[in-house]
Amino acid sequence: MIKWLSRFFHYLERFFIARRSLSGLDEVGLMCFRDLVYEELKGKARDAVTVLIDKEREGEQIDRGLLKDVLDIFVGIGMGKMEYYENDFEDAMLKHTAAYYSRKASSWIVEDSCPDYMLKAEECLKKEKECLIISMLLVR
């Protein structure tokens, strides 16, 4: 929407806003989106991403394109900085991951022998490293 509006108001953007030293349409549009939409929905978006990641951890196929699009919103809202991604998504995701694997480890200790437990833990570490590499590629 902002791109369309920028084209529509190109003349004003180029001359009027520049002469008055006002913020550009792109910046104002992103700030409005952040204040009106992002702040309302960031928790729901974070929870949806967490559910997708949990499904993938359980072996289900997920829509990685959708995951990338949502993560791009967390990154893009920071206007070139990773502050919103880190504060609004990454911190909560790390806590959720710790809780997820704590629950898994508790059930594995009860159900499995020590060698089986270690194999499962190593397999999970391997998968998490692969997912970390993929998510870093998605965010960039």
N, C-alpha and C. Protein backbone atom coordinates (compact mmCIF):
# COMPACT_ATOMS: atom_id res chain seq x y z
N MET A 1 0.83 -1.19 0.00
CA MET A 1 0.00 0.00 0.00
C MET A 1 0.87 1.25 0.00
N ILE A 2 1.93 1.22 0.79
CA ILE A 2 2.82 2.39 0.87
C ILE A 2 3.49 2.64 -0.48
N LYS A 3 3.91 1.56 -1.14
CA LYS A 3 4.55 1.72 -2.44
C LYS A 3 3.59 2.35 -3.44
N TRP A 4 2.34 1.92 -3.43
CA TRP A 4 1.34 2.48 -4.33
C TRP A 4 1.12 3.96 -4.03
N LEU A 5 0.99 4.28 -2.74
CA LEU A 5 0.79 5.68 -2.35
C LEU A 5 2.00 6.53 -2.70
N SER A 6 3.19 5.96 -2.57
CA SER A 6 4.41 6.70 -2.92
C SER A 6 4.42 7.07 -4.39
N ARG A 7 3.98 6.15 -5.22
CA ARG A 7 3.90 6.45 -6.66
C ARG A 7 2.85 7.51 -6.94
N PHE A 8 1.73 7.39 -6.26
CA PHE A 8 0.62 8.32 -6.47
C PHE A 8 1.01 9.74 -6.05
N PHE A 9 1.71 9.86 -4.92
CA PHE A 9 2.08 11.16 -4.39
C PHE A 9 3.56 11.49 -4.64
N HIS A 10 4.10 10.96 -5.71
CA HIS A 10 5.52 11.16 -6.01
C HIS A 10 5.89 12.64 -6.08
N TYR A 11 5.09 13.43 -6.74
CA TYR A 11 5.40 14.86 -6.89
C TYR A 11 5.47 15.53 -5.51
N LEU A 12 4.47 15.28 -4.68
CA LEU A 12 4.48 15.88 -3.34
C LEU A 12 5.68 15.41 -2.53
N GLU A 13 5.96 14.13 -2.64
CA GLU A 13 7.09 13.55 -1.92
C GLU A 13 8.40 14.22 -2.34
N ARG A 14 8.53 14.42 -3.62
CA ARG A 14 9.80 14.93 -4.16
C ARG A 14 10.01 16.41 -3.87
N PHE A 15 8.96 17.21 -3.94
CA PHE A 15 9.13 18.66 -3.82
C PHE A 15 8.62 19.22 -2.49
N PHE A 16 7.36 18.99 -2.18
CA PHE A 16 6.77 19.62 -1.00
C PHE A 16 7.40 19.10 0.30
N ILE A 17 7.48 17.79 0.43
CA ILE A 17 8.00 17.20 1.66
C ILE A 17 9.49 17.51 1.82
N ALA A 18 10.23 17.47 0.72
CA ALA A 18 11.66 17.77 0.78
C ALA A 18 11.91 19.21 1.20
N ARG A 19 11.12 20.15 0.69
CA ARG A 19 11.31 21.56 1.05
C ARG A 19 10.95 21.84 2.50
N ARG A 20 9.98 21.12 3.00
CA ARG A 20 9.54 21.34 4.39
C ARG A 20 10.32 20.50 5.40
N SER A 21 11.24 19.69 4.92
CA SER A 21 12.05 18.79 5.78
C SER A 21 11.17 17.89 6.64
N LEU A 22 10.13 17.34 6.02
CA LEU A 22 9.23 16.42 6.71
C LEU A 22 9.67 14.99 6.45
N SER A 23 9.17 14.07 7.25
CA SER A 23 9.46 12.65 7.04
C SER A 23 8.78 12.19 5.76
N GLY A 24 9.44 11.27 5.04
CA GLY A 24 8.91 10.77 3.79
C GLY A 24 7.71 9.86 4.01
N LEU A 25 6.99 9.63 2.94
CA LEU A 25 5.79 8.81 2.99
C LEU A 25 6.10 7.37 3.42
N ASP A 26 7.23 6.83 2.94
CA ASP A 26 7.61 5.46 3.32
C ASP A 26 7.79 5.35 4.83
N GLU A 27 8.51 6.31 5.39
CA GLU A 27 8.79 6.28 6.83
C GLU A 27 7.52 6.48 7.65
N VAL A 28 6.71 7.43 7.27
CA VAL A 28 5.46 7.70 7.99
C VAL A 28 4.51 6.52 7.87
N GLY A 29 4.42 5.92 6.68
CA GLY A 29 3.56 4.76 6.49
C GLY A 29 4.00 3.59 7.36
N LEU A 30 5.31 3.36 7.43
CA LEU A 30 5.82 2.26 8.25
C LEU A 30 5.58 2.53 9.73
N MET A 31 5.74 3.78 10.15
CA MET A 31 5.47 4.12 11.55
C MET A 31 3.99 3.94 11.89
N CYS A 32 3.11 4.34 10.98
CA CYS A 32 1.67 4.15 11.21
C CYS A 32 1.33 2.67 11.28
N PHE A 33 1.89 1.88 10.36
CA PHE A 33 1.66 0.44 10.39
C PHE A 33 2.14 -0.15 11.71
N ARG A 34 3.32 0.27 12.15
CA ARG A 34 3.87 -0.22 13.41
C ARG A 34 2.95 0.13 14.59
N ASP A 35 2.52 1.37 14.64
CA ASP A 35 1.72 1.82 15.78
C ASP A 35 0.30 1.26 15.78
N LEU A 36 -0.31 1.15 14.61
CA LEU A 36 -1.71 0.76 14.54
C LEU A 36 -1.94 -0.74 14.34
N VAL A 37 -1.08 -1.41 13.59
CA VAL A 37 -1.30 -2.81 13.27
C VAL A 37 -0.32 -3.71 13.99
N TYR A 38 0.96 -3.44 13.83
CA TYR A 38 1.99 -4.31 14.38
C TYR A 38 1.88 -4.46 15.89
N GLU A 39 1.73 -3.36 16.60
CA GLU A 39 1.64 -3.42 18.06
C GLU A 39 0.45 -4.24 18.53
N GLU A 40 -0.64 -4.23 17.77
CA GLU A 40 -1.84 -5.01 18.11
C GLU A 40 -1.64 -6.50 17.85
N LEU A 41 -0.95 -6.84 16.78
CA LEU A 41 -0.91 -8.22 16.32
C LEU A 41 0.41 -8.95 16.54
N LYS A 42 1.42 -8.29 17.08
CA LYS A 42 2.73 -8.94 17.19
C LYS A 42 2.69 -10.18 18.07
N GLY A 43 1.92 -10.17 19.13
CA GLY A 43 1.81 -11.34 20.01
C GLY A 43 1.16 -12.52 19.30
N LYS A 44 0.10 -12.24 18.55
CA LYS A 44 -0.58 -13.31 17.80
C LYS A 44 0.33 -13.86 16.70
N ALA A 45 1.05 -12.98 16.04
CA ALA A 45 1.97 -13.43 14.98
C ALA A 45 3.09 -14.28 15.57
N ARG A 46 3.63 -13.84 16.69
CA ARG A 46 4.70 -14.60 17.37
C ARG A 46 4.18 -15.97 17.79
N ASP A 47 2.97 -16.03 18.32
CA ASP A 47 2.39 -17.31 18.74
C ASP A 47 2.17 -18.23 17.53
N ALA A 48 1.72 -17.66 16.42
CA ALA A 48 1.50 -18.46 15.21
C ALA A 48 2.81 -19.04 14.68
N VAL A 49 3.87 -18.24 14.72
CA VAL A 49 5.18 -18.72 14.28
C VAL A 49 5.67 -19.82 15.21
N THR A 50 5.45 -19.65 16.49
CA THR A 50 5.86 -20.65 17.48
C THR A 50 5.15 -21.97 17.22
N VAL A 51 3.87 -21.92 16.90
CA VAL A 51 3.11 -23.13 16.59
C VAL A 51 3.68 -23.80 15.35
N LEU A 52 3.99 -23.01 14.31
CA LEU A 52 4.58 -23.57 13.10
C LEU A 52 5.91 -24.25 13.39
N ILE A 53 6.73 -23.61 14.19
CA ILE A 53 8.04 -24.18 14.51
C ILE A 53 7.89 -25.45 15.33
N ASP A 54 6.94 -25.46 16.26
CA ASP A 54 6.69 -26.68 17.04
C ASP A 54 6.22 -27.82 16.14
N LYS A 55 5.37 -27.50 15.17
CA LYS A 55 4.91 -28.53 14.23
C LYS A 55 6.09 -29.11 13.45
N GLU A 56 6.99 -28.23 13.03
CA GLU A 56 8.16 -28.73 12.30
C GLU A 56 9.05 -29.58 13.20
N ARG A 57 9.18 -29.20 14.45
CA ARG A 57 9.97 -30.00 15.39
C ARG A 57 9.36 -31.39 15.58
N GLU A 58 8.05 -31.49 15.46
CA GLU A 58 7.37 -32.77 15.61
C GLU A 58 7.34 -33.57 14.31
N GLY A 59 7.96 -33.02 13.25
CA GLY A 59 8.08 -33.77 12.02
C GLY A 59 7.09 -33.41 10.93
N GLU A 60 6.21 -32.46 11.17
CA GLU A 60 5.24 -32.05 10.16
C GLU A 60 5.87 -31.09 9.17
N GLN A 61 5.33 -31.07 7.97
CA GLN A 61 5.76 -30.11 6.97
C GLN A 61 5.04 -28.78 7.22
N ILE A 62 5.78 -27.69 7.10
CA ILE A 62 5.18 -26.37 7.29
C ILE A 62 5.43 -25.52 6.05
N ASP A 63 4.71 -24.45 5.96
CA ASP A 63 4.87 -23.50 4.87
C ASP A 63 5.98 -22.52 5.25
N ARG A 64 7.17 -22.79 4.75
CA ARG A 64 8.32 -21.95 5.10
C ARG A 64 8.22 -20.56 4.47
N GLY A 65 7.52 -20.45 3.37
CA GLY A 65 7.30 -19.14 2.76
C GLY A 65 6.51 -18.23 3.69
N LEU A 66 5.47 -18.80 4.30
CA LEU A 66 4.67 -18.05 5.27
C LEU A 66 5.52 -17.66 6.47
N LEU A 67 6.32 -18.59 6.95
CA LEU A 67 7.21 -18.32 8.07
C LEU A 67 8.15 -17.17 7.73
N LYS A 68 8.72 -17.19 6.55
CA LYS A 68 9.62 -16.14 6.12
C LYS A 68 8.90 -14.80 6.05
N ASP A 69 7.69 -14.79 5.52
CA ASP A 69 6.93 -13.53 5.41
C ASP A 69 6.66 -12.92 6.77
N VAL A 70 6.30 -13.75 7.74
CA VAL A 70 6.02 -13.23 9.08
C VAL A 70 7.30 -12.72 9.73
N LEU A 71 8.39 -13.47 9.60
CA LEU A 71 9.66 -13.02 10.17
C LEU A 71 10.14 -11.73 9.49
N ASP A 72 9.86 -11.59 8.20
CA ASP A 72 10.22 -10.36 7.50
C ASP A 72 9.50 -9.15 8.08
N ILE A 73 8.29 -9.34 8.57
CA ILE A 73 7.58 -8.23 9.21
C ILE A 73 8.31 -7.80 10.48
N PHE A 74 8.74 -8.77 11.29
CA PHE A 74 9.48 -8.44 12.51
C PHE A 74 10.77 -7.70 12.19
N VAL A 75 11.43 -8.09 11.10
CA VAL A 75 12.68 -7.45 10.70
C VAL A 75 12.41 -6.10 10.05
N GLY A 76 11.47 -6.05 9.13
CA GLY A 76 11.19 -4.83 8.38
C GLY A 76 10.66 -3.70 9.23
N ILE A 77 9.95 -4.01 10.27
CA ILE A 77 9.37 -2.97 11.12
C ILE A 77 10.46 -2.18 11.84
N GLY A 78 11.65 -2.76 11.94
CA GLY A 78 12.77 -2.09 12.60
C GLY A 78 13.50 -1.12 11.69
N MET A 79 13.07 -0.99 10.45
CA MET A 79 13.67 -0.07 9.48
C MET A 79 15.19 -0.22 9.42
N GLY A 80 15.64 -1.44 9.16
CA GLY A 80 17.06 -1.69 9.00
C GLY A 80 17.77 -2.15 10.26
N LYS A 81 17.09 -2.12 11.38
CA LYS A 81 17.68 -2.57 12.64
C LYS A 81 16.97 -3.85 13.07
N MET A 82 17.65 -4.67 13.83
CA MET A 82 17.09 -5.95 14.27
C MET A 82 16.41 -5.85 15.63
N GLU A 83 16.24 -4.64 16.14
CA GLU A 83 15.71 -4.42 17.48
C GLU A 83 14.33 -5.05 17.70
N TYR A 84 13.41 -4.84 16.78
CA TYR A 84 12.06 -5.38 16.94
C TYR A 84 12.06 -6.91 16.82
N TYR A 85 12.85 -7.43 15.90
CA TYR A 85 12.96 -8.88 15.76
C TYR A 85 13.49 -9.49 17.05
N GLU A 86 14.54 -8.92 17.59
CA GLU A 86 15.15 -9.46 18.80
C GLU A 86 14.23 -9.34 20.01
N ASN A 87 13.64 -8.17 20.19
CA ASN A 87 12.82 -7.94 21.39
C ASN A 87 11.44 -8.58 21.31
N ASP A 88 10.80 -8.51 20.15
CA ASP A 88 9.42 -8.97 20.03
C ASP A 88 9.29 -10.43 19.62
N PHE A 89 10.33 -10.99 19.02
CA PHE A 89 10.23 -12.38 18.58
C PHE A 89 11.31 -13.27 19.19
N GLU A 90 12.55 -12.92 18.98
CA GLU A 90 13.65 -13.82 19.33
C GLU A 90 13.70 -14.16 20.82
N ASP A 91 13.54 -13.17 21.68
CA ASP A 91 13.59 -13.44 23.12
C ASP A 91 12.51 -14.43 23.54
N ALA A 92 11.29 -14.21 23.08
CA ALA A 92 10.18 -15.11 23.42
C ALA A 92 10.39 -16.50 22.82
N MET A 93 10.93 -16.54 21.60
CA MET A 93 11.17 -17.83 20.95
C MET A 93 12.22 -18.64 21.68
N LEU A 94 13.26 -17.99 22.15
CA LEU A 94 14.31 -18.70 22.91
C LEU A 94 13.75 -19.27 24.21
N LYS A 95 12.91 -18.50 24.88
CA LYS A 95 12.29 -19.00 26.12
C LYS A 95 11.36 -20.17 25.82
N HIS A 96 10.59 -20.06 24.75
CA HIS A 96 9.69 -21.15 24.37
C HIS A 96 10.48 -22.41 24.01
N THR A 97 11.57 -22.23 23.29
CA THR A 97 12.41 -23.37 22.91
C THR A 97 12.97 -24.06 24.13
N ALA A 98 13.44 -23.28 25.10
CA ALA A 98 13.97 -23.87 26.34
C ALA A 98 12.89 -24.66 27.06
N ALA A 99 11.68 -24.12 27.14
CA ALA A 99 10.59 -24.82 27.81
C ALA A 99 10.20 -26.07 27.04
N TYR A 100 10.16 -25.99 25.72
CA TYR A 100 9.80 -27.14 24.87
C TYR A 100 10.77 -28.29 25.11
N TYR A 101 12.05 -28.01 25.06
CA TYR A 101 13.03 -29.09 25.22
C TYR A 101 13.14 -29.55 26.67
N SER A 102 12.81 -28.71 27.60
CA SER A 102 12.76 -29.14 29.00
C SER A 102 11.66 -30.18 29.18
N ARG A 103 10.50 -29.94 28.59
CA ARG A 103 9.41 -30.92 28.65
C ARG A 103 9.79 -32.21 27.95
N LYS A 104 10.40 -32.08 26.77
CA LYS A 104 10.83 -33.27 26.03
C LYS A 104 11.85 -34.07 26.83
N ALA A 105 12.83 -33.40 27.39
CA ALA A 105 13.88 -34.09 28.15
C ALA A 105 13.30 -34.80 29.37
N SER A 106 12.34 -34.18 30.02
CA SER A 106 11.71 -34.81 31.18
C SER A 106 11.01 -36.11 30.80
N SER A 107 10.33 -36.11 29.67
CA SER A 107 9.65 -37.34 29.25
C SER A 107 10.64 -38.38 28.75
N TRP A 108 11.71 -37.95 28.09
CA TRP A 108 12.72 -38.89 27.61
C TRP A 108 13.45 -39.58 28.75
N ILE A 109 13.72 -38.84 29.82
CA ILE A 109 14.43 -39.42 30.96
C ILE A 109 13.63 -40.56 31.56
N VAL A 110 12.33 -40.38 31.63
CA VAL A 110 11.45 -41.40 32.21
C VAL A 110 11.32 -42.60 31.27
N GLU A 111 11.18 -42.34 29.98
CA GLU A 111 10.88 -43.39 29.01
C GLU A 111 12.09 -44.14 28.48
N ASP A 112 13.23 -43.51 28.34
CA ASP A 112 14.36 -44.08 27.61
C ASP A 112 15.56 -44.37 28.51
N SER A 113 16.41 -45.24 27.98
CA SER A 113 17.68 -45.51 28.65
C SER A 113 18.62 -44.32 28.40
N CYS A 114 19.72 -44.29 29.12
CA CYS A 114 20.67 -43.19 28.98
C CYS A 114 21.21 -43.07 27.55
N PRO A 115 21.64 -44.17 26.90
CA PRO A 115 22.12 -44.03 25.52
C PRO A 115 21.04 -43.53 24.55
N ASP A 116 19.81 -44.01 24.73
CA ASP A 116 18.71 -43.55 23.87
C ASP A 116 18.42 -42.07 24.09
N TYR A 117 18.46 -41.67 25.36
CA TYR A 117 18.26 -40.26 25.70
C TYR A 117 19.31 -39.39 25.02
N MET A 118 20.57 -39.81 25.09
CA MET A 118 21.66 -39.05 24.49
C MET A 118 21.51 -38.97 22.96
N LEU A 119 21.08 -40.07 22.35
CA LEU A 119 20.87 -40.06 20.90
C LEU A 119 19.76 -39.08 20.51
N LYS A 120 18.68 -39.07 21.27
CA LYS A 120 17.58 -38.15 20.98
C LYS A 120 18.03 -36.70 21.17
N ALA A 121 18.81 -36.46 22.23
CA ALA A 121 19.29 -35.10 22.49
C ALA A 121 20.21 -34.64 21.36
N GLU A 122 21.11 -35.51 20.92
CA GLU A 122 22.01 -35.15 19.82
C GLU A 122 21.24 -34.90 18.53
N GLU A 123 20.23 -35.71 18.27
CA GLU A 123 19.41 -35.53 17.07
C GLU A 123 18.69 -34.18 17.11
N CYS A 124 18.16 -33.82 18.27
CA CYS A 124 17.47 -32.53 18.40
C CYS A 124 18.44 -31.37 18.21
N LEU A 125 19.64 -31.48 18.76
CA LEU A 125 20.64 -30.43 18.57
C LEU A 125 20.99 -30.27 17.09
N LYS A 126 21.12 -31.37 16.40
CA LYS A 126 21.43 -31.34 14.98
C LYS A 126 20.31 -30.65 14.19
N LYS A 127 19.06 -31.01 14.49
CA LYS A 127 17.92 -30.41 13.80
C LYS A 127 17.81 -28.92 14.10
N GLU A 128 18.05 -28.54 15.36
CA GLU A 128 17.97 -27.13 15.74
C GLU A 128 19.05 -26.32 15.03
N LYS A 129 20.25 -26.88 14.88
CA LYS A 129 21.30 -26.18 14.15
C LYS A 129 20.91 -25.98 12.70
N GLU A 130 20.33 -27.02 12.08
CA GLU A 130 19.88 -26.90 10.70
C GLU A 130 18.80 -25.83 10.58
N CYS A 131 17.86 -25.84 11.50
CA CYS A 131 16.77 -24.85 11.48
C CYS A 131 17.30 -23.45 11.73
N LEU A 132 18.31 -23.33 12.58
CA LEU A 132 18.91 -22.02 12.85
C LEU A 132 19.55 -21.46 11.59
N ILE A 133 20.24 -22.31 10.87
CA ILE A 133 20.88 -21.86 9.62
C ILE A 133 19.81 -21.43 8.63
N ILE A 134 18.75 -22.22 8.51
CA ILE A 134 17.66 -21.89 7.58
C ILE A 134 16.99 -20.58 7.99
N SER A 135 16.71 -20.42 9.29
CA SER A 135 16.03 -19.20 9.74
C SER A 135 16.90 -17.97 9.55
N MET A 136 18.21 -18.12 9.71
CA MET A 136 19.10 -16.98 9.46
C MET A 136 19.07 -16.59 7.98
N LEU A 137 18.97 -17.58 7.10
CA LEU A 137 18.86 -17.29 5.69
C LEU A 137 17.52 -16.64 5.37
N LEU A 138 16.46 -17.06 6.06
CA LEU A 138 15.14 -16.50 5.83
C LEU A 138 15.07 -15.05 6.26
N VAL A 139 15.70 -14.72 7.38
CA VAL A 139 15.62 -13.38 7.93
C VAL A 139 16.41 -12.39 7.08
N ARG A 140 17.48 -12.83 6.47
CA ARG A 140 18.31 -11.92 5.66
C ARG A 140 17.77 -11.70 4.34
